[in-house]
Amino acid sequence: MTFDTTILRIVTVTEGEFLLRAGTTLMPTPVIDNEHGYVTTGNALFPNPEHGADGSGTLATITFSVQKKGKSALAFDNTKLRSWDWDAGELVEILHTAMVGYFRYTLGDANGDGVVNMQDLSQISAHWYPGPPPGPSGYDLDTDLNLDERITMQEISTVSAYWTGPPAGPLAP
């Protein structure tokens, strides 16, 4: 997984319960590179189990430390899920889709002042752009709260969901 190192740093990678429910596991020490913004990790049932894991669950949990306000894609590259085919005596790929996730601090804060309120609605309204493509005057990445390259009612819904009200006093920069 890759991430923006100016926004996030990985603190820990821990094994989830999914494979542990099926038997003994082997999880090599994850390779964490906070300088270049990536982590490589894996997990497997070991030794070859009589049966594999079935259902859903957590394979691993990655804990980040937030370095500053902002947003970062959490992109999964080169993911592999495999199962052992006992009849063929080989590993077979499990079809899956790795979806890009996003981290954003603070949710709903379009103007970056640390509070979600009417000023954020004003910021979004000033940059309303149902797109695509991004880039024409009006589109502002900071007001694209769900990072879909459009400024729409979804941004207004996000502000509503995370509304904190008027500022109580001076805000930290």
N, C-alpha and C. Protein backbone atom coordinates (compact mmCIF):
# COMPACT_ATOMS: atom_id res chain seq x y z
N MET A 1 0.84 -1.16 0.00
CA MET A 1 0.00 0.00 0.00
C MET A 1 0.89 1.23 0.00
N THR A 2 0.47 2.24 -0.74
CA THR A 2 1.20 3.50 -0.77
C THR A 2 0.36 4.59 -0.12
N PHE A 3 1.04 5.64 0.36
CA PHE A 3 0.38 6.75 1.05
C PHE A 3 1.27 7.98 0.97
N ASP A 4 0.70 9.15 1.29
CA ASP A 4 1.43 10.41 1.26
C ASP A 4 2.15 10.61 2.60
N THR A 5 3.48 10.62 2.57
CA THR A 5 4.27 10.70 3.79
C THR A 5 4.24 12.08 4.44
N THR A 6 3.80 13.10 3.73
CA THR A 6 3.67 14.41 4.37
C THR A 6 2.43 14.46 5.26
N ILE A 7 1.49 13.56 5.03
CA ILE A 7 0.24 13.53 5.80
C ILE A 7 0.24 12.41 6.83
N LEU A 8 0.74 11.23 6.46
CA LEU A 8 0.67 10.04 7.30
C LEU A 8 2.01 9.35 7.46
N ARG A 9 2.15 8.63 8.58
CA ARG A 9 3.28 7.73 8.80
C ARG A 9 2.70 6.47 9.43
N ILE A 10 3.22 5.32 9.02
CA ILE A 10 2.74 4.06 9.59
C ILE A 10 3.42 3.83 10.93
N VAL A 11 2.61 3.47 11.92
CA VAL A 11 3.11 3.16 13.25
C VAL A 11 3.25 1.66 13.42
N THR A 12 2.16 0.93 13.08
CA THR A 12 2.19 -0.53 13.24
C THR A 12 1.37 -1.21 12.15
N VAL A 13 1.72 -2.45 11.90
CA VAL A 13 0.92 -3.35 11.08
C VAL A 13 0.71 -4.60 11.93
N THR A 14 -0.55 -4.93 12.20
CA THR A 14 -0.83 -6.10 13.03
C THR A 14 -1.72 -7.08 12.28
N GLU A 15 -1.55 -8.33 12.61
CA GLU A 15 -2.31 -9.40 11.97
C GLU A 15 -3.77 -9.36 12.41
N GLY A 16 -4.65 -9.56 11.45
CA GLY A 16 -6.08 -9.62 11.75
C GLY A 16 -6.49 -11.03 12.13
N GLU A 17 -7.76 -11.20 12.44
CA GLU A 17 -8.26 -12.48 12.93
C GLU A 17 -8.67 -13.45 11.83
N PHE A 18 -8.81 -12.98 10.58
CA PHE A 18 -9.40 -13.81 9.53
C PHE A 18 -8.70 -15.15 9.33
N LEU A 19 -7.40 -15.13 9.06
CA LEU A 19 -6.69 -16.40 8.84
C LEU A 19 -6.46 -17.16 10.14
N LEU A 20 -6.32 -16.44 11.24
CA LEU A 20 -6.11 -17.11 12.53
C LEU A 20 -7.28 -18.03 12.90
N ARG A 21 -8.48 -17.68 12.46
CA ARG A 21 -9.65 -18.53 12.74
C ARG A 21 -9.53 -19.89 12.05
N ALA A 22 -8.74 -19.96 10.98
CA ALA A 22 -8.62 -21.20 10.22
C ALA A 22 -7.42 -22.05 10.64
N GLY A 23 -6.52 -21.49 11.44
CA GLY A 23 -5.36 -22.28 11.85
C GLY A 23 -4.14 -21.43 12.17
N THR A 24 -2.99 -22.08 12.16
CA THR A 24 -1.73 -21.41 12.45
C THR A 24 -1.31 -20.57 11.25
N THR A 25 -0.78 -19.38 11.52
CA THR A 25 -0.40 -18.48 10.43
C THR A 25 1.08 -18.13 10.48
N LEU A 26 1.54 -17.62 9.37
CA LEU A 26 2.89 -17.09 9.25
C LEU A 26 2.76 -15.69 8.66
N MET A 27 3.17 -14.69 9.44
CA MET A 27 3.14 -13.31 8.96
C MET A 27 4.55 -12.73 9.11
N PRO A 28 5.29 -12.67 7.99
CA PRO A 28 6.63 -12.09 8.05
C PRO A 28 6.56 -10.64 8.53
N THR A 29 7.65 -10.15 9.07
CA THR A 29 7.71 -8.76 9.52
C THR A 29 7.42 -7.83 8.34
N PRO A 30 6.43 -6.96 8.47
CA PRO A 30 6.10 -6.04 7.37
C PRO A 30 7.27 -5.11 7.06
N VAL A 31 7.40 -4.72 5.81
CA VAL A 31 8.39 -3.73 5.40
C VAL A 31 7.67 -2.38 5.36
N ILE A 32 8.02 -1.51 6.29
CA ILE A 32 7.41 -0.19 6.39
C ILE A 32 8.45 0.84 5.95
N ASP A 33 8.11 1.63 4.93
CA ASP A 33 9.01 2.68 4.45
C ASP A 33 8.27 4.02 4.54
N ASN A 34 8.41 4.68 5.69
CA ASN A 34 7.75 5.96 5.91
C ASN A 34 8.42 7.10 5.16
N GLU A 35 9.61 6.89 4.65
CA GLU A 35 10.28 7.92 3.86
C GLU A 35 9.70 8.01 2.46
N HIS A 36 9.44 6.84 1.84
CA HIS A 36 8.93 6.80 0.47
C HIS A 36 7.43 6.52 0.39
N GLY A 37 6.79 6.22 1.52
CA GLY A 37 5.35 6.08 1.56
C GLY A 37 4.78 4.76 1.08
N TYR A 38 5.33 3.66 1.58
CA TYR A 38 4.72 2.38 1.25
C TYR A 38 4.94 1.36 2.36
N VAL A 39 4.09 0.34 2.34
CA VAL A 39 4.24 -0.80 3.23
C VAL A 39 3.98 -2.05 2.42
N THR A 40 4.76 -3.08 2.70
CA THR A 40 4.57 -4.38 2.08
C THR A 40 4.38 -5.38 3.21
N THR A 41 3.31 -6.16 3.11
CA THR A 41 3.05 -7.14 4.15
C THR A 41 2.36 -8.36 3.54
N GLY A 42 2.31 -9.41 4.28
CA GLY A 42 1.66 -10.63 3.82
C GLY A 42 1.28 -11.50 5.00
N ASN A 43 0.51 -12.52 4.71
CA ASN A 43 0.09 -13.44 5.74
C ASN A 43 -0.34 -14.74 5.07
N ALA A 44 -0.12 -15.86 5.73
CA ALA A 44 -0.49 -17.15 5.15
C ALA A 44 -0.79 -18.15 6.25
N LEU A 45 -1.65 -19.10 5.91
CA LEU A 45 -1.82 -20.25 6.80
C LEU A 45 -0.60 -21.13 6.63
N PHE A 46 -0.04 -21.62 7.74
CA PHE A 46 1.21 -22.37 7.66
C PHE A 46 1.27 -23.37 8.80
N PRO A 47 1.70 -24.60 8.58
CA PRO A 47 1.95 -25.19 7.27
C PRO A 47 0.64 -25.39 6.52
N ASN A 48 0.71 -26.02 5.36
CA ASN A 48 -0.49 -26.18 4.54
C ASN A 48 -1.63 -26.76 5.39
N PRO A 49 -2.71 -26.00 5.51
CA PRO A 49 -3.81 -26.46 6.35
C PRO A 49 -4.68 -27.48 5.63
N GLU A 50 -5.50 -28.18 6.41
CA GLU A 50 -6.44 -29.12 5.81
C GLU A 50 -7.53 -28.38 5.06
N HIS A 51 -7.85 -27.18 5.50
CA HIS A 51 -8.85 -26.34 4.82
C HIS A 51 -8.43 -24.88 5.00
N GLY A 52 -8.92 -24.04 4.12
CA GLY A 52 -8.57 -22.63 4.18
C GLY A 52 -9.58 -21.83 4.97
N ALA A 53 -9.38 -20.54 4.97
CA ALA A 53 -10.31 -19.63 5.63
C ALA A 53 -11.49 -19.40 4.72
N ASP A 54 -12.64 -19.17 5.31
CA ASP A 54 -13.85 -18.95 4.54
C ASP A 54 -14.63 -17.81 5.18
N GLY A 55 -15.28 -17.01 4.37
CA GLY A 55 -16.09 -15.92 4.90
C GLY A 55 -15.39 -14.59 4.76
N SER A 56 -15.56 -13.74 5.74
CA SER A 56 -14.94 -12.41 5.69
C SER A 56 -14.28 -12.12 7.02
N GLY A 57 -13.43 -11.13 7.02
CA GLY A 57 -12.72 -10.74 8.23
C GLY A 57 -11.57 -9.83 7.90
N THR A 58 -10.77 -9.53 8.89
CA THR A 58 -9.64 -8.62 8.76
C THR A 58 -8.36 -9.41 8.55
N LEU A 59 -7.65 -9.10 7.46
CA LEU A 59 -6.35 -9.73 7.21
C LEU A 59 -5.25 -9.03 8.00
N ALA A 60 -5.30 -7.70 8.04
CA ALA A 60 -4.30 -6.93 8.77
C ALA A 60 -4.88 -5.56 9.10
N THR A 61 -4.35 -4.94 10.15
CA THR A 61 -4.73 -3.58 10.53
C THR A 61 -3.48 -2.73 10.46
N ILE A 62 -3.58 -1.61 9.75
CA ILE A 62 -2.47 -0.67 9.64
C ILE A 62 -2.83 0.57 10.42
N THR A 63 -1.99 0.94 11.38
CA THR A 63 -2.23 2.12 12.21
C THR A 63 -1.28 3.22 11.77
N PHE A 64 -1.87 4.40 11.52
CA PHE A 64 -1.10 5.56 11.07
C PHE A 64 -0.99 6.60 12.16
N SER A 65 0.03 7.42 12.05
CA SER A 65 0.16 8.65 12.83
C SER A 65 -0.07 9.79 11.85
N VAL A 66 -0.95 10.72 12.20
CA VAL A 66 -1.24 11.86 11.33
C VAL A 66 -0.18 12.92 11.55
N GLN A 67 0.48 13.33 10.46
CA GLN A 67 1.55 14.31 10.53
C GLN A 67 1.05 15.75 10.43
N LYS A 68 0.00 15.94 9.64
CA LYS A 68 -0.60 17.26 9.50
C LYS A 68 -1.97 17.10 8.84
N LYS A 69 -2.75 18.17 8.85
CA LYS A 69 -4.05 18.15 8.18
C LYS A 69 -3.84 17.94 6.70
N GLY A 70 -4.74 17.22 6.09
CA GLY A 70 -4.66 17.00 4.65
C GLY A 70 -5.36 15.73 4.26
N LYS A 71 -5.06 15.28 3.04
CA LYS A 71 -5.67 14.06 2.54
C LYS A 71 -4.64 13.24 1.79
N SER A 72 -4.85 11.94 1.79
CA SER A 72 -3.93 11.03 1.15
C SER A 72 -4.70 9.84 0.59
N ALA A 73 -4.36 9.47 -0.63
CA ALA A 73 -4.87 8.21 -1.17
C ALA A 73 -4.18 7.07 -0.43
N LEU A 74 -4.88 5.98 -0.25
CA LEU A 74 -4.32 4.75 0.31
C LEU A 74 -4.49 3.71 -0.79
N ALA A 75 -3.45 3.58 -1.61
CA ALA A 75 -3.54 2.77 -2.82
C ALA A 75 -2.90 1.40 -2.62
N PHE A 76 -3.64 0.39 -2.99
CA PHE A 76 -3.14 -0.97 -2.90
C PHE A 76 -2.63 -1.41 -4.27
N ASP A 77 -1.34 -1.66 -4.37
CA ASP A 77 -0.71 -2.06 -5.62
C ASP A 77 -0.22 -3.51 -5.50
N ASN A 78 -0.37 -4.25 -6.57
CA ASN A 78 0.18 -5.60 -6.64
C ASN A 78 -0.34 -6.51 -5.52
N THR A 79 -1.64 -6.47 -5.29
CA THR A 79 -2.22 -7.34 -4.26
C THR A 79 -2.41 -8.74 -4.82
N LYS A 80 -2.21 -9.73 -3.96
CA LYS A 80 -2.38 -11.12 -4.37
C LYS A 80 -3.11 -11.88 -3.27
N LEU A 81 -4.14 -12.58 -3.68
CA LEU A 81 -4.83 -13.52 -2.79
C LEU A 81 -4.76 -14.86 -3.48
N ARG A 82 -4.34 -15.89 -2.72
CA ARG A 82 -4.18 -17.21 -3.32
C ARG A 82 -4.71 -18.29 -2.38
N SER A 83 -5.04 -19.40 -2.98
CA SER A 83 -5.49 -20.56 -2.22
C SER A 83 -4.75 -21.79 -2.76
N TRP A 84 -4.67 -22.80 -1.93
CA TRP A 84 -4.00 -24.03 -2.35
C TRP A 84 -5.02 -24.98 -2.97
N ASP A 85 -4.74 -25.41 -4.19
CA ASP A 85 -5.59 -26.40 -4.88
C ASP A 85 -4.98 -27.76 -4.60
N TRP A 86 -5.64 -28.53 -3.72
CA TRP A 86 -5.10 -29.83 -3.31
C TRP A 86 -5.04 -30.81 -4.46
N ASP A 87 -6.00 -30.77 -5.36
CA ASP A 87 -6.02 -31.70 -6.49
C ASP A 87 -4.87 -31.42 -7.45
N ALA A 88 -4.64 -30.15 -7.77
CA ALA A 88 -3.57 -29.78 -8.71
C ALA A 88 -2.22 -29.66 -8.02
N GLY A 89 -2.23 -29.53 -6.69
CA GLY A 89 -0.98 -29.39 -5.95
C GLY A 89 -0.29 -28.05 -6.23
N GLU A 90 -1.07 -26.98 -6.36
CA GLU A 90 -0.48 -25.67 -6.65
C GLU A 90 -1.34 -24.54 -6.10
N LEU A 91 -0.71 -23.37 -6.02
CA LEU A 91 -1.44 -22.17 -5.62
C LEU A 91 -2.27 -21.65 -6.79
N VAL A 92 -3.48 -21.21 -6.51
CA VAL A 92 -4.33 -20.61 -7.53
C VAL A 92 -4.75 -19.22 -7.05
N GLU A 93 -4.83 -18.31 -7.99
CA GLU A 93 -5.21 -16.94 -7.67
C GLU A 93 -6.68 -16.86 -7.28
N ILE A 94 -7.00 -16.04 -6.31
CA ILE A 94 -8.37 -15.73 -5.93
C ILE A 94 -8.70 -14.37 -6.53
N LEU A 95 -9.71 -14.33 -7.38
CA LEU A 95 -10.09 -13.06 -7.99
C LEU A 95 -10.57 -12.09 -6.92
N HIS A 96 -10.08 -10.86 -6.98
CA HIS A 96 -10.47 -9.83 -6.03
C HIS A 96 -10.22 -8.46 -6.63
N THR A 97 -10.79 -7.47 -6.03
CA THR A 97 -10.56 -6.09 -6.45
C THR A 97 -10.03 -5.31 -5.26
N ALA A 98 -8.85 -4.74 -5.41
CA ALA A 98 -8.28 -3.89 -4.38
C ALA A 98 -8.71 -2.46 -4.68
N MET A 99 -9.43 -1.85 -3.77
CA MET A 99 -9.96 -0.52 -3.99
C MET A 99 -9.08 0.52 -3.30
N VAL A 100 -8.90 1.64 -3.97
CA VAL A 100 -8.16 2.75 -3.38
C VAL A 100 -9.02 3.38 -2.28
N GLY A 101 -8.41 3.59 -1.14
CA GLY A 101 -9.09 4.28 -0.05
C GLY A 101 -8.50 5.67 0.10
N TYR A 102 -9.10 6.46 0.97
CA TYR A 102 -8.63 7.82 1.19
C TYR A 102 -8.67 8.15 2.67
N PHE A 103 -7.70 8.94 3.08
CA PHE A 103 -7.69 9.52 4.41
C PHE A 103 -7.85 11.02 4.24
N ARG A 104 -8.70 11.63 5.04
CA ARG A 104 -8.85 13.08 5.03
C ARG A 104 -9.08 13.56 6.45
N TYR A 105 -8.34 14.57 6.83
CA TYR A 105 -8.50 15.19 8.14
C TYR A 105 -8.88 16.63 7.91
N THR A 106 -9.79 17.14 8.39
CA THR A 106 -10.96 16.73 9.14
C THR A 106 -12.11 16.53 8.16
N LEU A 107 -12.91 15.48 8.30
CA LEU A 107 -14.01 15.23 7.39
C LEU A 107 -15.01 16.38 7.43
N GLY A 108 -15.34 16.89 6.25
CA GLY A 108 -16.29 17.98 6.14
C GLY A 108 -15.68 19.36 6.19
N ASP A 109 -14.41 19.47 6.55
CA ASP A 109 -13.76 20.77 6.69
C ASP A 109 -13.19 21.22 5.34
N ALA A 110 -14.02 21.84 4.52
CA ALA A 110 -13.62 22.23 3.16
C ALA A 110 -12.64 23.40 3.14
N ASN A 111 -12.70 24.28 4.14
CA ASN A 111 -11.82 25.45 4.12
C ASN A 111 -10.60 25.29 5.02
N GLY A 112 -10.46 24.16 5.70
CA GLY A 112 -9.25 23.86 6.46
C GLY A 112 -9.09 24.63 7.75
N ASP A 113 -10.18 25.15 8.34
CA ASP A 113 -10.04 25.91 9.58
C ASP A 113 -10.21 25.08 10.83
N GLY A 114 -10.41 23.77 10.68
CA GLY A 114 -10.50 22.88 11.83
C GLY A 114 -11.88 22.69 12.39
N VAL A 115 -12.88 23.33 11.80
CA VAL A 115 -14.26 23.17 12.27
C VAL A 115 -15.17 23.02 11.05
N VAL A 116 -16.22 22.24 11.19
CA VAL A 116 -17.15 22.02 10.08
C VAL A 116 -18.40 22.86 10.36
N ASN A 117 -18.63 23.88 9.51
CA ASN A 117 -19.73 24.80 9.76
C ASN A 117 -20.16 25.49 8.47
N MET A 118 -20.87 26.60 8.60
CA MET A 118 -21.43 27.32 7.46
C MET A 118 -20.35 27.80 6.49
N GLN A 119 -19.17 28.13 6.99
CA GLN A 119 -18.09 28.57 6.10
C GLN A 119 -17.71 27.46 5.10
N ASP A 120 -17.81 26.21 5.52
CA ASP A 120 -17.51 25.09 4.62
C ASP A 120 -18.58 24.97 3.53
N LEU A 121 -19.83 25.17 3.92
CA LEU A 121 -20.90 25.17 2.92
C LEU A 121 -20.70 26.29 1.91
N SER A 122 -20.29 27.45 2.40
CA SER A 122 -20.02 28.59 1.50
C SER A 122 -18.87 28.28 0.55
N GLN A 123 -17.83 27.66 1.07
CA GLN A 123 -16.67 27.29 0.24
C GLN A 123 -17.08 26.32 -0.86
N ILE A 124 -17.87 25.34 -0.51
CA ILE A 124 -18.34 24.36 -1.49
C ILE A 124 -19.22 25.04 -2.53
N SER A 125 -20.14 25.87 -2.08
CA SER A 125 -21.04 26.57 -3.00
C SER A 125 -20.28 27.44 -3.98
N ALA A 126 -19.21 28.08 -3.52
CA ALA A 126 -18.41 28.96 -4.37
C ALA A 126 -17.66 28.18 -5.45
N HIS A 127 -17.46 26.89 -5.22
CA HIS A 127 -16.69 26.07 -6.17
C HIS A 127 -17.51 24.93 -6.75
N TRP A 128 -18.82 25.08 -6.74
CA TRP A 128 -19.72 24.05 -7.26
C TRP A 128 -19.31 23.68 -8.67
N TYR A 129 -19.01 22.41 -8.90
CA TYR A 129 -18.61 21.95 -10.23
C TYR A 129 -18.96 20.48 -10.35
N PRO A 130 -20.08 20.16 -11.02
CA PRO A 130 -20.46 18.75 -11.12
C PRO A 130 -19.61 17.93 -12.08
N GLY A 131 -18.65 18.56 -12.81
CA GLY A 131 -17.66 17.90 -13.64
C GLY A 131 -18.22 16.77 -14.47
N PRO A 132 -17.41 15.84 -14.93
CA PRO A 132 -15.98 15.93 -15.19
C PRO A 132 -15.68 16.67 -16.49
N PRO A 133 -14.51 16.93 -16.91
CA PRO A 133 -13.25 16.63 -16.22
C PRO A 133 -12.86 17.76 -15.25
N PRO A 134 -11.99 17.46 -14.28
CA PRO A 134 -11.55 18.51 -13.35
C PRO A 134 -10.66 19.51 -14.08
N GLY A 135 -10.55 20.66 -13.50
CA GLY A 135 -9.62 21.64 -14.04
C GLY A 135 -10.21 22.96 -14.42
N PRO A 136 -11.43 23.03 -14.98
CA PRO A 136 -11.96 24.34 -15.34
C PRO A 136 -12.12 25.21 -14.10
N SER A 137 -12.20 26.52 -14.32
CA SER A 137 -12.38 27.40 -13.18
C SER A 137 -13.64 26.98 -12.46
N GLY A 138 -13.58 26.96 -11.18
CA GLY A 138 -14.70 26.50 -10.36
C GLY A 138 -14.33 25.24 -9.60
N TYR A 139 -13.61 24.34 -10.21
CA TYR A 139 -13.22 23.11 -9.50
C TYR A 139 -12.09 23.43 -8.53
N ASP A 140 -12.25 23.02 -7.28
CA ASP A 140 -11.24 23.25 -6.25
C ASP A 140 -11.05 21.94 -5.49
N LEU A 141 -9.88 21.35 -5.59
CA LEU A 141 -9.60 20.06 -4.96
C LEU A 141 -9.91 20.07 -3.47
N ASP A 142 -9.67 21.20 -2.79
CA ASP A 142 -9.92 21.26 -1.35
C ASP A 142 -11.39 21.13 -1.01
N THR A 143 -12.29 21.49 -1.93
CA THR A 143 -13.71 21.35 -1.65
C THR A 143 -14.27 20.01 -2.13
N ASP A 144 -13.45 19.20 -2.80
CA ASP A 144 -13.85 17.88 -3.27
C ASP A 144 -13.67 16.88 -2.12
N LEU A 145 -14.62 16.87 -1.20
CA LEU A 145 -14.46 16.13 0.05
C LEU A 145 -14.40 14.62 -0.13
N ASN A 146 -15.05 14.09 -1.17
CA ASN A 146 -14.99 12.64 -1.39
C ASN A 146 -14.02 12.26 -2.50
N LEU A 147 -13.27 13.23 -3.00
CA LEU A 147 -12.20 13.03 -3.98
C LEU A 147 -12.68 12.32 -5.24
N ASP A 148 -13.89 12.68 -5.72
CA ASP A 148 -14.41 12.07 -6.95
C ASP A 148 -14.29 13.01 -8.15
N GLU A 149 -13.52 14.08 -7.99
CA GLU A 149 -13.25 15.07 -9.04
C GLU A 149 -14.49 15.84 -9.46
N ARG A 150 -15.44 15.96 -8.52
CA ARG A 150 -16.65 16.75 -8.75
C ARG A 150 -17.04 17.42 -7.44
N ILE A 151 -17.66 18.56 -7.51
CA ILE A 151 -18.19 19.24 -6.33
C ILE A 151 -19.71 19.20 -6.47
N THR A 152 -20.37 18.36 -5.66
CA THR A 152 -21.80 18.10 -5.82
C THR A 152 -22.49 18.05 -4.45
N MET A 153 -23.73 17.59 -4.46
CA MET A 153 -24.49 17.44 -3.22
C MET A 153 -23.83 16.48 -2.23
N GLN A 154 -22.99 15.58 -2.73
CA GLN A 154 -22.31 14.66 -1.81
C GLN A 154 -21.40 15.43 -0.85
N GLU A 155 -20.78 16.51 -1.33
CA GLU A 155 -19.96 17.33 -0.44
C GLU A 155 -20.83 18.02 0.61
N ILE A 156 -21.98 18.51 0.20
CA ILE A 156 -22.91 19.14 1.15
C ILE A 156 -23.35 18.11 2.19
N SER A 157 -23.63 16.88 1.77
CA SER A 157 -24.02 15.82 2.69
C SER A 157 -22.92 15.51 3.69
N THR A 158 -21.67 15.53 3.24
CA THR A 158 -20.54 15.26 4.14
C THR A 158 -20.44 16.35 5.19
N VAL A 159 -20.57 17.61 4.77
CA VAL A 159 -20.54 18.71 5.74
C VAL A 159 -21.67 18.52 6.75
N SER A 160 -22.85 18.19 6.29
CA SER A 160 -23.99 17.98 7.19
C SER A 160 -23.72 16.85 8.19
N ALA A 161 -23.12 15.78 7.71
CA ALA A 161 -22.86 14.62 8.57
C ALA A 161 -21.83 14.91 9.66
N TYR A 162 -20.89 15.82 9.39
CA TYR A 162 -19.81 16.10 10.34
C TYR A 162 -19.90 17.50 10.93
N TRP A 163 -21.08 18.12 10.87
CA TRP A 163 -21.31 19.48 11.35
C TRP A 163 -20.92 19.63 12.82
N THR A 164 -20.09 20.60 13.13
CA THR A 164 -19.68 20.87 14.50
C THR A 164 -20.15 22.23 14.98
N GLY A 165 -20.72 23.03 14.11
CA GLY A 165 -21.26 24.32 14.52
C GLY A 165 -20.28 25.45 14.40
N PRO A 166 -20.64 26.62 14.96
CA PRO A 166 -19.78 27.79 14.84
C PRO A 166 -18.53 27.64 15.70
N PRO A 167 -17.45 28.30 15.32
CA PRO A 167 -16.24 28.23 16.14
C PRO A 167 -16.48 28.77 17.55
N ALA A 168 -15.86 28.14 18.54
CA ALA A 168 -16.01 28.57 19.92
C ALA A 168 -15.02 29.69 20.24
N GLY A 169 -14.06 29.90 19.43
CA GLY A 169 -13.04 30.92 19.66
C GLY A 169 -11.99 30.82 18.59
N PRO A 170 -10.83 31.46 18.81
CA PRO A 170 -9.75 31.40 17.80
C PRO A 170 -9.35 29.95 17.54
N LEU A 171 -9.07 29.67 16.29
CA LEU A 171 -8.69 28.31 15.90
C LEU A 171 -7.19 28.22 15.69
N ALA A 172 -6.64 27.08 16.01
CA ALA A 172 -5.21 26.86 15.76
C ALA A 172 -4.97 26.83 14.26
N PRO A 173 -3.81 27.28 13.81
CA PRO A 173 -3.54 27.27 12.36
C PRO A 173 -3.49 25.87 11.80
